Each structure stands twice: as structure tokens, then as C-alpha cells.
Amino acid sequence: MLNIWGRISSINVRKVVWCAQELGLDFQRTEAGGKYGVVQSPEYLALNPNALVPAISDDGGFVLWESNVIVRYLCARHWTRQLYPEQLPERFDAERWMDWQQTTLNRVSGGAFLQLVRTPPAERDAQVIAQSVAATEPLMAMLDAHLATRPFMAGERFTMADIPIGCEVHRWFGLPPAEYRHPSWPHLERWFAEVQARPGARGVLDLPLE
């Protein structure tokens, strides 16, 4: 049994849950973080001294934190050539996009999300929203151009790379339409509709933002 700690409203927890479902793993998820607390408890800090979610422990007692690393680990341990590419060029292409999601896309997209979803209207900072939109839209356009030439992030098959990017796009496309409407990105929208329809994405990419 795989144990996952973290609330499903967290983009990083969603990655791990989606991955586990894609792999057909039996898992138990414990609510943690945000309104659930837990992360400052001595028991949780022993799992993740950063006091962040997610964290996992597997049936061998191995504990791991950092969402994209967890996705890589699960795909490598529960080997499927589809999710964890066997050939090094394809594997590191997938690795590249996973790192890009964390180091580039997530850093700029979070501002609009936090303001439009988690901040009361009277307390929102319009400048933060505008800066986030201005920085994120070119990156989404870049994804659209990339997906114009291939079905999935790393090529012809769904791989581990599609999971963190999919969670990020879910969050951006889910921003309140009364507050923000994204430009047309047909290739990105085609890809997202396809990954959102996967059985493994149920209970993850079909949830509203909170």
C-alpha cells in the first residue's frame, strides 16, 4: 500500500495521485496541509522536514518528498515503458519538461491563481494578476507550439512529463472565467482534453480549483 500525505487541492498532491492512478496502484491518501494542518506535527516533520505536501511512504517503508521526484520514482519503480521512457533521449526529454514546470511555469502562474482563487475579491492585487498573466501566457503559447508537432509532451506516447504539465494547465484553464479568459491555444486545448479524459485523471483534473 502506498501512503500519500496531502490535500487534493494542492497542485503537487494532484500530480502524485494522478500518477498513482495511472499506474493502477493501491494507495491511501491522508489529508494534510492547508486547513487540515498536520504538516507541523512531529510525525509529519519526520517524513518531510520542509512541512510541505506531498510526502509518500511505500510498502518498503521508503519515504520521499518533492512532487515531481515522487512521480519519477513511482514510474521507475512500477516500470512501464509508457510512463517512464526506456530510451534515454525520450526519458530526458520528459525530465526536461518536468523540471521546466517547476522552475519556470509554476513560478509565474501561481500569482494569478492565488489572487483569483484563494484571495477574497476585495483583497486582490491587480498588479500581481497582470504580471502573472503577462508572464504565463507566452509560456502557454510555447506549449501550444510544442504540441502542434506531437501528440504528447515527450512525443507519441503519454509519459510522466504529461502529469505535472497537465496539472499546471488544469489550474490555469480553471481560473474563474468572469475574471480571466485565456487566448485560443488549439493544440494545448486538444492535448489537455485528451489527458483530462484519461481514467487515471479522474478525481484530479475534473475537480474545481480551491
C-alpha atoms as a PDB file:
ATOM      1  CA  MET A   1       0.000   0.000   0.000  1.00  0.00           C
ATOM      2  CA  LEU A   2       1.299   3.430  -0.986  1.00  0.00           C
ATOM      3  CA  ASN A   3       0.647   6.193   1.541  1.00  0.00           C
ATOM      4  CA  ILE A   4       0.236   9.741   0.241  1.00  0.00           C
ATOM      5  CA  TRP A   5       0.001  12.745   2.538  1.00  0.00           C
ATOM      6  CA  GLY A   6      -1.581  15.907   1.205  1.00  0.00           C
ATOM      7  CA  ARG A   7      -4.826  17.651   0.323  1.00  0.00           C
ATOM      8  CA  ILE A   8      -6.109  17.127  -3.228  1.00  0.00           C
ATOM      9  CA  SER A   9      -6.489  20.900  -3.701  1.00  0.00           C
ATOM     10  CA  SER A  10      -2.690  21.104  -3.901  1.00  0.00           C
ATOM     11  CA  ILE A  11      -1.299  21.003  -7.435  1.00  0.00           C
ATOM     12  CA  ASN A  12       1.646  18.970  -6.177  1.00  0.00           C
ATOM     13  CA  VAL A  13      -0.536  16.383  -4.475  1.00  0.00           C
ATOM     14  CA  ARG A  14      -2.658  16.118  -7.611  1.00  0.00           C
ATOM     15  CA  LYS A  15       0.440  15.110  -9.589  1.00  0.00           C
ATOM     16  CA  VAL A  16       1.152  12.197  -7.253  1.00  0.00           C
ATOM     17  CA  VAL A  17      -2.439  10.998  -7.051  1.00  0.00           C
ATOM     18  CA  TRP A  18      -2.814  11.105 -10.837  1.00  0.00           C
ATOM     19  CA  CYS A  19       0.439   9.206 -11.285  1.00  0.00           C
ATOM     20  CA  ALA A  20      -0.595   6.529  -8.782  1.00  0.00           C
ATOM     21  CA  GLN A  21      -3.933   6.120 -10.563  1.00  0.00           C
ATOM     22  CA  GLU A  22      -2.238   5.876 -13.968  1.00  0.00           C
ATOM     23  CA  LEU A  23      -0.068   3.090 -12.582  1.00  0.00           C
ATOM     24  CA  GLY A  24      -3.031   1.288 -11.017  1.00  0.00           C
ATOM     25  CA  LEU A  25      -1.519   1.444  -7.521  1.00  0.00           C
ATOM     26  CA  ASP A  26      -3.434   0.857  -4.332  1.00  0.00           C
ATOM     27  CA  PHE A  27      -2.932   3.905  -2.152  1.00  0.00           C
ATOM     28  CA  GLN A  28      -4.248   5.673   0.903  1.00  0.00           C
ATOM     29  CA  ARG A  29      -4.295   9.463   0.996  1.00  0.00           C
ATOM     30  CA  THR A  30      -4.224  11.350   4.290  1.00  0.00           C
ATOM     31  CA  GLU A  31      -5.448  14.943   4.293  1.00  0.00           C
ATOM     32  CA  ALA A  32      -2.610  17.295   5.218  1.00  0.00           C
ATOM     33  CA  GLY A  33      -1.661  20.888   4.592  1.00  0.00           C
ATOM     34  CA  GLY A  34      -3.826  23.988   4.373  1.00  0.00           C
ATOM     35  CA  LYS A  35      -6.933  23.830   6.528  1.00  0.00           C
ATOM     36  CA  TYR A  36      -6.078  20.270   7.577  1.00  0.00           C
ATOM     37  CA  GLY A  37      -2.861  21.177   9.348  1.00  0.00           C
ATOM     38  CA  VAL A  38      -0.778  18.087  10.167  1.00  0.00           C
ATOM     39  CA  VAL A  39       2.368  19.316   8.408  1.00  0.00           C
ATOM     40  CA  GLN A  40       3.802  20.953  11.532  1.00  0.00           C
ATOM     41  CA  SER A  41       3.322  17.864  13.669  1.00  0.00           C
ATOM     42  CA  PRO A  42       6.438  15.992  14.792  1.00  0.00           C
ATOM     43  CA  GLU A  43       5.197  12.886  12.988  1.00  0.00           C
ATOM     44  CA  TYR A  44       4.859  14.667   9.670  1.00  0.00           C
ATOM     45  CA  LEU A  45       8.092  16.625  10.035  1.00  0.00           C
ATOM     46  CA  ALA A  46       9.841  13.287  10.394  1.00  0.00           C
ATOM     47  CA  LEU A  47       8.524  12.486   6.901  1.00  0.00           C
ATOM     48  CA  ASN A  48       9.121  15.898   5.338  1.00  0.00           C
ATOM     49  CA  PRO A  49      11.146  18.442   7.319  1.00  0.00           C
ATOM     50  CA  ASN A  50      10.037  21.142   4.855  1.00  0.00           C
ATOM     51  CA  ALA A  51       6.494  20.901   6.293  1.00  0.00           C
ATOM     52  CA  LEU A  52       5.067  20.809   2.775  1.00  0.00           C
ATOM     53  CA  VAL A  53       2.877  18.360   0.855  1.00  0.00           C
ATOM     54  CA  PRO A  54       3.061  15.842  -0.631  1.00  0.00           C
ATOM     55  CA  ALA A  55       5.075  13.140   1.046  1.00  0.00           C
ATOM     56  CA  ILE A  56       4.830   9.415   0.444  1.00  0.00           C
ATOM     57  CA  SER A  57       5.891   6.179   2.026  1.00  0.00           C
ATOM     58  CA  ASP A  58       5.775   2.970   0.047  1.00  0.00           C
ATOM     59  CA  ASP A  59       5.295  -0.641   1.081  1.00  0.00           C
ATOM     60  CA  GLY A  60       9.030  -0.941   1.657  1.00  0.00           C
ATOM     61  CA  GLY A  61       8.998   1.933   4.122  1.00  0.00           C
ATOM     62  CA  PHE A  62      10.797   4.314   1.768  1.00  0.00           C
ATOM     63  CA  VAL A  63       9.833   7.957   2.397  1.00  0.00           C
ATOM     64  CA  LEU A  64      10.043  10.604  -0.314  1.00  0.00           C
ATOM     65  CA  TRP A  65       9.005  14.227  -0.814  1.00  0.00           C
ATOM     66  CA  GLU A  66       9.110  16.654  -3.787  1.00  0.00           C
ATOM     67  CA  SER A  67       6.216  16.006  -6.140  1.00  0.00           C
ATOM     68  CA  ASN A  68       7.980  15.621  -9.470  1.00  0.00           C
ATOM     69  CA  VAL A  69      10.607  13.373  -7.917  1.00  0.00           C
ATOM     70  CA  ILE A  70       7.813  11.229  -6.470  1.00  0.00           C
ATOM     71  CA  VAL A  71       6.254  10.938  -9.935  1.00  0.00           C
ATOM     72  CA  ARG A  72       9.608   9.858 -11.390  1.00  0.00           C
ATOM     73  CA  TYR A  73      10.162   7.354  -8.600  1.00  0.00           C
ATOM     74  CA  LEU A  74       6.746   5.742  -8.906  1.00  0.00           C
ATOM     75  CA  CYS A  75       7.042   5.473 -12.692  1.00  0.00           C
ATOM     76  CA  ALA A  76      10.530   3.984 -12.424  1.00  0.00           C
ATOM     77  CA  ARG A  77       9.700   1.573  -9.623  1.00  0.00           C
ATOM     78  CA  HIS A  78       6.435   0.379 -11.132  1.00  0.00           C
ATOM     79  CA  TRP A  79       8.050   0.101 -14.522  1.00  0.00           C
ATOM     80  CA  THR A  80       6.071   0.830 -17.599  1.00  0.00           C
ATOM     81  CA  ARG A  81       7.837   1.837 -20.768  1.00  0.00           C
ATOM     82  CA  GLN A  82       4.950   4.134 -21.496  1.00  0.00           C
ATOM     83  CA  LEU A  83       5.247   6.380 -18.422  1.00  0.00           C
ATOM     84  CA  TYR A  84       8.999   6.059 -17.759  1.00  0.00           C
ATOM     85  CA  PRO A  85      10.658   6.052 -21.166  1.00  0.00           C
ATOM     86  CA  GLU A  86      13.256   3.365 -21.711  1.00  0.00           C
ATOM     87  CA  GLN A  87      15.310   5.234 -24.293  1.00  0.00           C
ATOM     88  CA  LEU A  88      17.461   7.962 -22.764  1.00  0.00           C
ATOM     89  CA  PRO A  89      16.641  10.750 -25.258  1.00  0.00           C
ATOM     90  CA  GLU A  90      12.918  10.319 -24.658  1.00  0.00           C
ATOM     91  CA  ARG A  91      13.398   9.925 -20.913  1.00  0.00           C
ATOM     92  CA  PHE A  92      15.410  13.105 -20.561  1.00  0.00           C
ATOM     93  CA  ASP A  93      13.051  14.983 -22.832  1.00  0.00           C
ATOM     94  CA  ALA A  94      10.358  14.067 -20.304  1.00  0.00           C
ATOM     95  CA  GLU A  95      12.669  15.049 -17.430  1.00  0.00           C
ATOM     96  CA  ARG A  96      13.279  18.434 -19.049  1.00  0.00           C
ATOM     97  CA  TRP A  97       9.588  19.301 -19.223  1.00  0.00           C
ATOM     98  CA  MET A  98       9.053  18.167 -15.644  1.00  0.00           C
ATOM     99  CA  ASP A  99      11.825  20.462 -14.438  1.00  0.00           C
ATOM    100  CA  TRP A 100      10.545  23.305 -16.609  1.00  0.00           C
ATOM    101  CA  GLN A 101       7.135  23.022 -14.999  1.00  0.00           C
ATOM    102  CA  GLN A 102       8.639  23.607 -11.563  1.00  0.00           C
ATOM    103  CA  THR A 103      11.377  26.091 -12.345  1.00  0.00           C
ATOM    104  CA  THR A 104       9.661  28.236 -14.984  1.00  0.00           C
ATOM    105  CA  LEU A 105       5.918  27.782 -15.483  1.00  0.00           C
ATOM    106  CA  ASN A 106       4.862  27.295 -11.876  1.00  0.00           C
ATOM    107  CA  ARG A 107       6.832  30.276 -10.659  1.00  0.00           C
ATOM    108  CA  VAL A 108       4.901  32.728 -12.811  1.00  0.00           C
ATOM    109  CA  SER A 109       1.450  31.126 -12.979  1.00  0.00           C
ATOM    110  CA  GLY A 110       0.942  30.956  -9.232  1.00  0.00           C
ATOM    111  CA  GLY A 111       0.339  34.660  -8.770  1.00  0.00           C
ATOM    112  CA  ALA A 112      -2.884  34.776 -10.777  1.00  0.00           C
ATOM    113  CA  PHE A 113      -4.097  31.528  -9.242  1.00  0.00           C
ATOM    114  CA  LEU A 114      -3.532  32.675  -5.668  1.00  0.00           C
ATOM    115  CA  GLN A 115      -5.160  36.033  -6.330  1.00  0.00           C
ATOM    116  CA  LEU A 116      -8.178  34.860  -8.347  1.00  0.00           C
ATOM    117  CA  VAL A 117      -8.945  31.631  -6.498  1.00  0.00           C
ATOM    118  CA  ARG A 118      -7.638  31.936  -2.952  1.00  0.00           C
ATOM    119  CA  THR A 119      -7.839  35.675  -2.252  1.00  0.00           C
ATOM    120  CA  PRO A 120     -11.131  37.477  -1.497  1.00  0.00           C
ATOM    121  CA  PRO A 121     -12.024  39.971  -4.256  1.00  0.00           C
ATOM    122  CA  ALA A 122     -11.592  42.995  -2.011  1.00  0.00           C
ATOM    123  CA  GLU A 123      -8.038  41.947  -1.144  1.00  0.00           C
ATOM    124  CA  ARG A 124      -6.768  41.094  -4.637  1.00  0.00           C
ATOM    125  CA  ASP A 125      -3.749  42.814  -6.107  1.00  0.00           C
ATOM    126  CA  ALA A 126      -4.453  43.663  -9.756  1.00  0.00           C
ATOM    127  CA  GLN A 127      -0.760  44.229 -10.469  1.00  0.00           C
ATOM    128  CA  VAL A 128       0.166  40.730  -9.301  1.00  0.00           C
ATOM    129  CA  ILE A 129      -2.550  39.261 -11.523  1.00  0.00           C
ATOM    130  CA  ALA A 130      -1.461  41.295 -14.534  1.00  0.00           C
ATOM    131  CA  GLN A 131       2.200  40.342 -14.074  1.00  0.00           C
ATOM    132  CA  SER A 132       1.321  36.668 -13.714  1.00  0.00           C
ATOM    133  CA  VAL A 133      -0.865  36.685 -16.833  1.00  0.00           C
ATOM    134  CA  ALA A 134       1.756  38.571 -18.842  1.00  0.00           C
ATOM    135  CA  ALA A 135       4.447  36.053 -17.872  1.00  0.00           C
ATOM    136  CA  THR A 136       2.333  32.904 -18.172  1.00  0.00           C
ATOM    137  CA  GLU A 137       0.560  33.416 -21.493  1.00  0.00           C
ATOM    138  CA  PRO A 138       3.796  33.273 -23.561  1.00  0.00           C
ATOM    139  CA  LEU A 139       4.698  30.004 -21.834  1.00  0.00           C
ATOM    140  CA  MET A 140       1.282  28.538 -22.628  1.00  0.00           C
ATOM    141  CA  ALA A 141       1.740  29.688 -26.225  1.00  0.00           C
ATOM    142  CA  MET A 142       5.092  27.893 -26.200  1.00  0.00           C
ATOM    143  CA  LEU A 143       3.374  24.712 -25.047  1.00  0.00           C
ATOM    144  CA  ASP A 144       0.796  25.149 -27.794  1.00  0.00           C
ATOM    145  CA  ALA A 145       3.533  25.387 -30.420  1.00  0.00           C
ATOM    146  CA  HIS A 146       5.300  22.358 -28.964  1.00  0.00           C
ATOM    147  CA  LEU A 147       2.126  20.267 -29.024  1.00  0.00           C
ATOM    148  CA  ALA A 148       1.425  21.266 -32.613  1.00  0.00           C
ATOM    149  CA  THR A 149       4.132  18.814 -33.654  1.00  0.00           C
ATOM    150  CA  ARG A 150       3.459  15.830 -31.352  1.00  0.00           C
ATOM    151  CA  PRO A 151       0.529  14.249 -29.511  1.00  0.00           C
ATOM    152  CA  PHE A 152       2.105  14.376 -26.035  1.00  0.00           C
ATOM    153  CA  MET A 153       4.797  16.302 -24.228  1.00  0.00           C
ATOM    154  CA  ALA A 154       7.618  13.820 -24.909  1.00  0.00           C
ATOM    155  CA  GLY A 155       6.431  12.522 -28.263  1.00  0.00           C
ATOM    156  CA  GLU A 156       3.995   9.895 -29.435  1.00  0.00           C
ATOM    157  CA  ARG A 157       3.063   8.488 -26.023  1.00  0.00           C
ATOM    158  CA  PHE A 158       1.697   9.720 -22.723  1.00  0.00           C
ATOM    159  CA  THR A 159       4.602   9.784 -20.263  1.00  0.00           C
ATOM    160  CA  MET A 160       5.468  11.088 -16.817  1.00  0.00           C
ATOM    161  CA  ALA A 161       6.082  14.507 -18.426  1.00  0.00           C
ATOM    162  CA  ASP A 162       2.389  14.975 -19.156  1.00  0.00           C
ATOM    163  CA  ILE A 163       1.412  14.716 -15.485  1.00  0.00           C
ATOM    164  CA  PRO A 164       2.943  17.899 -13.987  1.00  0.00           C
ATOM    165  CA  ILE A 165       2.235  19.918 -17.130  1.00  0.00           C
ATOM    166  CA  GLY A 166      -1.348  18.642 -17.115  1.00  0.00           C
ATOM    167  CA  CYS A 167      -1.844  19.717 -13.507  1.00  0.00           C
ATOM    168  CA  GLU A 168      -0.432  23.145 -14.276  1.00  0.00           C
ATOM    169  CA  VAL A 169      -2.678  23.628 -17.319  1.00  0.00           C
ATOM    170  CA  HIS A 170      -5.688  22.408 -15.324  1.00  0.00           C
ATOM    171  CA  ARG A 171      -5.031  25.156 -12.812  1.00  0.00           C
ATOM    172  CA  TRP A 172      -4.596  27.861 -15.462  1.00  0.00           C
ATOM    173  CA  PHE A 173      -7.615  26.818 -17.530  1.00  0.00           C
ATOM    174  CA  GLY A 174      -9.656  26.637 -14.330  1.00  0.00           C
ATOM    175  CA  LEU A 175      -9.220  30.289 -13.384  1.00  0.00           C
ATOM    176  CA  PRO A 176     -12.636  31.986 -12.968  1.00  0.00           C
ATOM    177  CA  PRO A 177     -13.885  32.907 -16.468  1.00  0.00           C
ATOM    178  CA  ALA A 178     -15.521  36.048 -15.125  1.00  0.00           C
ATOM    179  CA  GLU A 179     -12.044  37.247 -14.135  1.00  0.00           C
ATOM    180  CA  TYR A 180      -9.809  35.789 -16.845  1.00  0.00           C
ATOM    181  CA  ARG A 181     -10.250  34.202 -20.254  1.00  0.00           C
ATOM    182  CA  HIS A 182      -7.195  32.728 -21.877  1.00  0.00           C
ATOM    183  CA  PRO A 183      -6.413  33.144 -25.588  1.00  0.00           C
ATOM    184  CA  SER A 184      -7.075  30.316 -28.012  1.00  0.00           C
ATOM    185  CA  TRP A 185      -4.374  27.666 -27.874  1.00  0.00           C
ATOM    186  CA  PRO A 186      -5.871  24.887 -30.032  1.00  0.00           C
ATOM    187  CA  HIS A 187      -3.070  22.359 -29.741  1.00  0.00           C
ATOM    188  CA  LEU A 188      -2.733  22.801 -25.996  1.00  0.00           C
ATOM    189  CA  GLU A 189      -6.520  22.576 -25.620  1.00  0.00           C
ATOM    190  CA  ARG A 190      -6.609  19.383 -27.733  1.00  0.00           C
ATOM    191  CA  TRP A 191      -3.897  17.804 -25.623  1.00  0.00           C
ATOM    192  CA  PHE A 192      -5.488  18.857 -22.331  1.00  0.00           C
ATOM    193  CA  ALA A 193      -8.886  17.460 -23.328  1.00  0.00           C
ATOM    194  CA  GLU A 194      -7.189  14.150 -24.111  1.00  0.00           C
ATOM    195  CA  VAL A 195      -5.244  13.864 -20.860  1.00  0.00           C
ATOM    196  CA  GLN A 196      -8.220  15.100 -18.835  1.00  0.00           C
ATOM    197  CA  ALA A 197     -10.316  12.237 -20.262  1.00  0.00           C
ATOM    198  CA  ARG A 198      -7.858   9.562 -19.142  1.00  0.00           C
ATOM    199  CA  PRO A 199      -9.275   7.249 -16.446  1.00  0.00           C
ATOM    200  CA  GLY A 200      -6.213   7.932 -14.301  1.00  0.00           C
ATOM    201  CA  ALA A 201      -7.008  11.649 -14.228  1.00  0.00           C
ATOM    202  CA  ARG A 202     -10.441  11.178 -12.663  1.00  0.00           C
ATOM    203  CA  GLY A 203     -10.735  12.840  -9.297  1.00  0.00           C
ATOM    204  CA  VAL A 204      -7.817  15.093 -10.215  1.00  0.00           C
ATOM    205  CA  LEU A 205      -8.300  17.062 -13.438  1.00  0.00           C
ATOM    206  CA  ASP A 206     -12.089  17.098 -13.139  1.00  0.00           C
ATOM    207  CA  LEU A 207     -12.089  18.892  -9.786  1.00  0.00           C
ATOM    208  CA  PRO A 208     -12.756  22.611  -9.394  1.00  0.00           C
ATOM    209  CA  LEU A 209      -9.978  24.770  -8.034  1.00  0.00           C
ATOM    210  CA  GLU A 210      -9.893  25.766  -4.396  1.00  0.00           C
END
